Each structure stands twice: as C-alpha cells, then as structure tokens.
Amino acid sequence: MIVLGCVVTVARRIRTVYLILRVVPMFDVPPHAMVAMCAVFGLLVLASVVSMILAIRHPDRDYTERLRIQSWWWMIGSVFIVLAVGLGAAIRFFGFCQLPGRSKNSFRSSPRARWTVSAIFWAYVAIPVQYYWIYIDWYGMFIIFVPVYLFLFLPMRMVLIGENTWIHQVRRRAAMGRDAGRLLP
C-alpha cells in the first residue's frame, strides 16, 4: 500500500512538472520529449526515495548507490537544462561533451607515429564541423562529410607529408587476398 501511495505521489509530481514546463514559454520541448523527460525525472525521484528508505531501515550498511543516484541527478539535470534552453545550446553541449574523453583515450594510450597523430588531430577537428552541419540543418553534408570528405582528406594529407608506407601494406594485403582495409602493425 505504501508503494502504491509513492507511485501515485510521483505520478502527480511528474504531471505537475509537465504542466509547469508546458506553461513556461522558454521551454520549447516537443511533447514526446517532455513525456520522456518526466519519466526519467520520475525514475530518479523513485530511486532517491528507495535509497533513502533503505538508508533509514539499515543505517549500519554503506549504500554507494546514493552517490550514483546523486551523480545521475547532476548528469540528467544538466542535460535537461540544456535541452530546455534550446537547440543551439544542446548541440554545443553534446559537441563539447564528446571531445574530452575521446582525445584523452586516443592521444595518451600509446606512442604514435607523426602521421597518426596528424590524422587523429584532423579527425577531432571534424567533430565540431559535424555539429555545425547539424546546427544549420544541412543533413546531406552531415551524412557525407566524414565518410566521403574526411576519409578522402586523411589519406591525401598523409601522402602530402610523405608518409606512404601504409599504401604498400594495403596493396600487399590485397594481393594476398586478405582484408585490404586493415593495416599491418
């Protein structure tokens, strides 16, 4: 009975938040996205309530889930705020969130040749350009930019700086009948 009461309370709060956000003109979020946002909000409220009840019932245990739920509040809250502000802010936010993790993993994982670092650099320069194509609603360029233009630019750049050993490896593998797309170590 207590669980049913909690579910009803959470449903009422979600409906109240939905109605408040629909009235405020700044939040121009589509209705299906608003329903999804309210559902995620409700799940976070439910998880917080359950973790508080567990902490009250069993104070001797250490619940690390509370820290995870708290970090989810921060993550989901920042995403919701950015989505509510507008399309431009959301595109910038997701573009900047994508860069740090990838660059750390790619540049620091192992020592690389000069041409590899150059190729990785130009691939990272392409990420903000991709988000720019999305921002100006040029879907055709967004779809073909990386697979066509970037994948033509990177080999051309490597040949121009004098690194062409990879061409011989691809040709040798093709002659052997193996996968020509994978480079030898």
Protein backbone atom coordinates (compact mmCIF):
# COMPACT_ATOMS: atom_id res chain seq x y z
CA MET A 1 0.00 0.00 0.00
CA ILE A 2 2.92 2.32 0.77
CA VAL A 3 4.45 1.60 -2.64
CA LEU A 4 1.16 2.43 -4.38
CA GLY A 5 0.98 5.71 -2.47
CA CYS A 6 4.56 6.56 -3.51
CA VAL A 7 3.78 5.77 -7.16
CA VAL A 8 0.69 7.98 -7.09
CA THR A 9 2.64 10.81 -5.46
CA VAL A 10 5.43 10.53 -8.03
CA ALA A 11 2.87 10.47 -10.88
CA ARG A 12 1.22 13.61 -9.53
CA ARG A 13 4.58 15.36 -9.23
CA ILE A 14 5.54 14.36 -12.78
CA ARG A 15 2.22 15.69 -14.07
CA THR A 16 2.72 18.93 -12.14
CA VAL A 17 6.23 19.38 -13.53
CA TYR A 18 4.93 18.64 -17.03
CA LEU A 19 2.17 21.23 -16.71
CA ILE A 20 4.55 23.85 -15.32
CA LEU A 21 7.07 23.27 -18.11
CA ARG A 22 4.35 23.49 -20.78
CA VAL A 23 3.14 26.84 -19.47
CA VAL A 24 6.60 28.44 -19.38
CA PRO A 25 7.28 29.72 -22.93
CA MET A 26 11.07 29.33 -22.66
CA PHE A 27 10.81 25.55 -22.62
CA ASP A 28 10.05 24.73 -26.25
CA VAL A 29 10.35 20.97 -25.88
CA PRO A 30 8.24 18.64 -28.07
CA PRO A 31 5.51 16.75 -26.18
CA HIS A 32 7.04 13.29 -26.71
CA ALA A 33 10.39 14.53 -25.39
CA MET A 34 8.64 16.14 -22.41
CA VAL A 35 6.96 12.82 -21.58
CA ALA A 36 10.34 11.06 -21.73
CA MET A 37 11.94 13.76 -19.56
CA CYS A 38 9.16 13.45 -17.00
CA ALA A 39 9.51 9.66 -16.98
CA VAL A 40 13.26 9.92 -16.33
CA PHE A 41 12.59 12.52 -13.66
CA GLY A 42 10.08 10.16 -12.05
CA LEU A 43 12.54 7.27 -12.10
CA LEU A 44 15.17 9.44 -10.43
CA VAL A 45 12.68 10.50 -7.76
CA LEU A 46 11.72 6.87 -7.21
CA ALA A 47 15.36 5.79 -6.97
CA SER A 48 16.09 8.58 -4.50
CA VAL A 49 13.11 7.64 -2.34
CA VAL A 50 14.07 3.95 -2.36
CA SER A 51 17.67 4.73 -1.43
CA MET A 52 16.53 6.99 1.42
CA ILE A 53 14.17 4.30 2.73
CA LEU A 54 16.99 1.73 2.59
CA ALA A 55 19.34 4.09 4.40
CA ILE A 56 16.75 4.69 7.12
CA ARG A 57 15.89 1.00 7.55
CA HIS A 58 19.51 -0.21 7.54
CA PRO A 59 21.73 2.57 8.87
CA ASP A 60 24.59 0.15 9.52
CA ARG A 61 25.10 -0.56 5.78
CA ASP A 62 27.03 1.68 3.43
CA TYR A 63 24.95 2.37 0.32
CA THR A 64 27.13 3.60 -2.53
CA GLU A 65 24.05 3.67 -4.74
CA ARG A 66 23.14 7.01 -3.18
CA LEU A 67 26.28 8.52 -4.68
CA ARG A 68 25.43 7.06 -8.06
CA ILE A 69 21.91 8.41 -7.88
CA GLN A 70 23.27 11.80 -6.90
CA SER A 71 25.62 11.80 -9.91
CA TRP A 72 22.70 10.81 -12.13
CA TRP A 73 20.77 13.80 -10.80
CA TRP A 74 23.63 16.07 -11.88
CA MET A 75 24.01 14.43 -15.29
CA ILE A 76 20.32 14.27 -16.14
CA GLY A 77 19.72 17.73 -14.71
CA SER A 78 22.40 19.30 -16.87
CA VAL A 79 21.10 17.53 -19.98
CA PHE A 80 17.51 18.62 -19.22
CA ILE A 81 18.55 22.22 -18.67
CA VAL A 82 20.49 22.29 -21.93
CA LEU A 83 17.62 20.68 -23.84
CA ALA A 84 15.18 23.15 -22.35
CA VAL A 85 17.32 26.19 -23.24
CA GLY A 86 17.36 25.48 -26.96
CA LEU A 87 18.76 23.64 -29.94
CA GLY A 88 21.96 25.66 -30.24
CA ALA A 89 22.87 25.14 -26.61
CA ALA A 90 22.12 21.42 -26.87
CA ILE A 91 24.32 20.99 -29.95
CA ARG A 92 27.21 22.87 -28.32
CA PHE A 93 26.81 20.90 -25.09
CA PHE A 94 26.89 17.50 -26.78
CA GLY A 95 29.76 18.57 -29.01
CA PHE A 96 31.88 19.67 -26.07
CA CYS A 97 30.95 16.56 -24.06
CA GLN A 98 32.20 14.37 -26.89
CA LEU A 99 35.68 15.88 -27.21
CA PRO A 100 37.49 15.42 -23.85
CA GLY A 101 37.00 11.69 -23.38
CA ARG A 102 37.93 10.74 -26.89
CA SER A 103 41.02 12.90 -27.10
CA LYS A 104 42.33 11.58 -23.78
CA ASN A 105 41.93 7.97 -24.86
CA SER A 106 43.39 8.46 -28.32
CA PHE A 107 46.38 10.67 -27.65
CA ARG A 108 47.63 9.11 -24.41
CA SER A 109 47.03 5.41 -24.92
CA SER A 110 50.23 4.59 -26.81
CA PRO A 111 53.09 6.29 -28.65
CA ARG A 112 52.16 7.01 -32.23
CA ALA A 113 53.83 7.96 -35.46
CA ARG A 114 53.72 11.54 -36.69
CA TRP A 115 51.20 10.76 -39.42
CA THR A 116 48.88 9.00 -36.97
CA VAL A 117 48.82 11.98 -34.61
CA SER A 118 48.13 14.26 -37.57
CA ALA A 119 45.26 12.06 -38.75
CA ILE A 120 43.77 11.90 -35.25
CA PHE A 121 44.06 15.69 -34.95
CA TRP A 122 42.16 16.27 -38.18
CA ALA A 123 39.54 13.72 -37.15
CA TYR A 124 38.96 15.73 -33.96
CA VAL A 125 38.78 18.97 -35.90
CA ALA A 126 35.98 17.35 -37.90
CA ILE A 127 33.81 16.81 -34.80
CA PRO A 128 32.84 20.49 -34.31
CA VAL A 129 32.34 20.78 -38.06
CA GLN A 130 29.89 17.86 -37.90
CA TYR A 131 27.94 19.60 -35.15
CA TYR A 132 27.92 22.79 -37.24
CA TRP A 133 26.28 20.92 -40.13
CA ILE A 134 23.62 19.72 -37.69
CA TYR A 135 23.11 23.25 -36.35
CA ILE A 136 22.49 24.77 -39.79
CA ASP A 137 20.21 21.83 -40.76
CA TRP A 138 22.40 20.67 -43.65
CA TYR A 139 21.63 16.99 -43.24
CA GLY A 140 23.13 15.94 -46.58
CA MET A 141 26.54 17.37 -45.69
CA PHE A 142 26.29 15.91 -42.19
CA ILE A 143 25.75 12.44 -43.65
CA ILE A 144 28.56 12.53 -46.23
CA PHE A 145 31.18 14.73 -44.55
CA VAL A 146 33.05 12.06 -42.57
CA PRO A 147 32.69 9.02 -44.85
CA VAL A 148 33.47 10.94 -48.04
CA TYR A 149 35.36 14.16 -47.42
CA LEU A 150 37.26 13.29 -44.26
CA PHE A 151 38.20 9.78 -45.42
CA LEU A 152 39.50 11.28 -48.67
CA PHE A 153 41.29 14.12 -46.89
CA LEU A 154 43.17 11.98 -44.36
CA PRO A 155 44.97 9.71 -46.89
CA MET A 156 45.68 12.72 -49.10
CA ARG A 157 47.19 14.53 -46.12
CA MET A 158 49.36 11.53 -45.24
CA VAL A 159 50.68 11.30 -48.80
CA LEU A 160 51.41 15.04 -48.86
CA ILE A 161 53.52 14.86 -45.68
CA GLY A 162 55.48 11.95 -47.15
CA GLU A 163 54.00 9.05 -45.21
CA ASN A 164 53.06 6.44 -47.79
CA THR A 165 54.16 3.13 -46.26
CA TRP A 166 50.56 2.30 -45.45
CA ILE A 167 49.75 2.26 -49.19
CA HIS A 168 52.24 -0.57 -49.74
CA GLN A 169 50.77 -2.53 -46.84
CA VAL A 170 47.25 -2.23 -48.24
CA ARG A 171 48.43 -3.23 -51.72
CA ARG A 172 50.35 -6.25 -50.32
CA ARG A 173 47.32 -7.45 -48.34
CA ALA A 174 45.07 -7.03 -51.35
CA ALA A 175 47.49 -9.10 -53.42
CA MET A 176 47.45 -11.81 -50.73
CA GLY A 177 43.64 -11.85 -50.79
CA ARG A 178 43.21 -10.66 -47.20
CA ASP A 179 41.29 -7.74 -45.80
CA ALA A 180 42.81 -4.72 -47.54
CA GLY A 181 41.28 -2.23 -45.14
CA ARG A 182 43.26 -3.36 -42.10
CA LEU A 183 46.83 -2.12 -41.80
CA LEU A 184 49.71 -4.28 -40.66
CA PRO A 185 51.20 -3.41 -37.27
